[in-house]
Amino acid sequence: MSNDNQGGTTTLKLVLAWGFVGIPLVWGVLQTLSNAMKLFQ
């Protein structure tokens, strides 16, 4: 009576969720660093 899928998230959903949040986050950090470097040149 073992049920492996007990309403948990799948690996694909987890990767998509992290990508949905992580990609814009990394983009924003890179843009911030790029603009900050302009102040020190």
C-alpha atoms as a PDB file:
ATOM      1  CA  MET A   1       0.000   0.000   0.000  1.00  0.00           C
ATOM      2  CA  SER A   2       2.735   2.457  -0.789  1.00  0.00           C
ATOM      3  CA  ASN A   3       1.847   5.490  -2.837  1.00  0.00           C
ATOM      4  CA  ASP A   4       4.906   7.369  -4.122  1.00  0.00           C
ATOM      5  CA  ASN A   5       2.996  10.427  -5.340  1.00  0.00           C
ATOM      6  CA  GLN A   6       1.234  11.755  -2.254  1.00  0.00           C
ATOM      7  CA  GLY A   7       0.509  15.231  -3.547  1.00  0.00           C
ATOM      8  CA  GLY A   8       4.173  16.184  -3.602  1.00  0.00           C
ATOM      9  CA  THR A   9       5.808  18.279  -6.259  1.00  0.00           C
ATOM     10  CA  THR A  10       7.584  16.657  -9.139  1.00  0.00           C
ATOM     11  CA  THR A  11      11.164  17.436 -10.045  1.00  0.00           C
ATOM     12  CA  LEU A  12      10.043  19.192 -13.222  1.00  0.00           C
ATOM     13  CA  LYS A  13       7.692  21.493 -11.316  1.00  0.00           C
ATOM     14  CA  LEU A  14      10.437  22.271  -8.830  1.00  0.00           C
ATOM     15  CA  VAL A  15      12.936  23.150 -11.573  1.00  0.00           C
ATOM     16  CA  LEU A  16      10.382  25.325 -13.368  1.00  0.00           C
ATOM     17  CA  ALA A  17       9.481  27.150 -10.170  1.00  0.00           C
ATOM     18  CA  TRP A  18      13.133  27.863  -9.330  1.00  0.00           C
ATOM     19  CA  GLY A  19      13.783  28.963 -12.908  1.00  0.00           C
ATOM     20  CA  PHE A  20      10.758  31.262 -12.846  1.00  0.00           C
ATOM     21  CA  VAL A  21      12.132  33.002  -9.753  1.00  0.00           C
ATOM     22  CA  GLY A  22      15.868  32.525 -10.219  1.00  0.00           C
ATOM     23  CA  ILE A  23      16.357  33.792 -13.781  1.00  0.00           C
ATOM     24  CA  PRO A  24      14.887  37.276 -13.153  1.00  0.00           C
ATOM     25  CA  LEU A  25      16.709  37.413  -9.821  1.00  0.00           C
ATOM     26  CA  VAL A  26      20.086  36.704 -11.423  1.00  0.00           C
ATOM     27  CA  TRP A  27      19.307  39.176 -14.221  1.00  0.00           C
ATOM     28  CA  GLY A  28      18.535  41.894 -11.670  1.00  0.00           C
ATOM     29  CA  VAL A  29      21.705  41.223  -9.681  1.00  0.00           C
ATOM     30  CA  LEU A  30      23.829  41.371 -12.844  1.00  0.00           C
ATOM     31  CA  GLN A  31      22.200  44.637 -13.930  1.00  0.00           C
ATOM     32  CA  THR A  32      22.753  46.128 -10.475  1.00  0.00           C
ATOM     33  CA  LEU A  33      26.416  45.116 -10.468  1.00  0.00           C
ATOM     34  CA  SER A  34      26.850  46.470 -13.975  1.00  0.00           C
ATOM     35  CA  ASN A  35      25.395  49.832 -12.977  1.00  0.00           C
ATOM     36  CA  ALA A  36      27.401  49.907  -9.748  1.00  0.00           C
ATOM     37  CA  MET A  37      30.631  49.364 -11.668  1.00  0.00           C
ATOM     38  CA  LYS A  38      29.932  52.550 -13.630  1.00  0.00           C
ATOM     39  CA  LEU A  39      30.247  54.509 -10.368  1.00  0.00           C
ATOM     40  CA  PHE A  40      33.786  53.245  -9.766  1.00  0.00           C
ATOM     41  CA  GLN A  41      35.238  53.953 -13.189  1.00  0.00           C
END
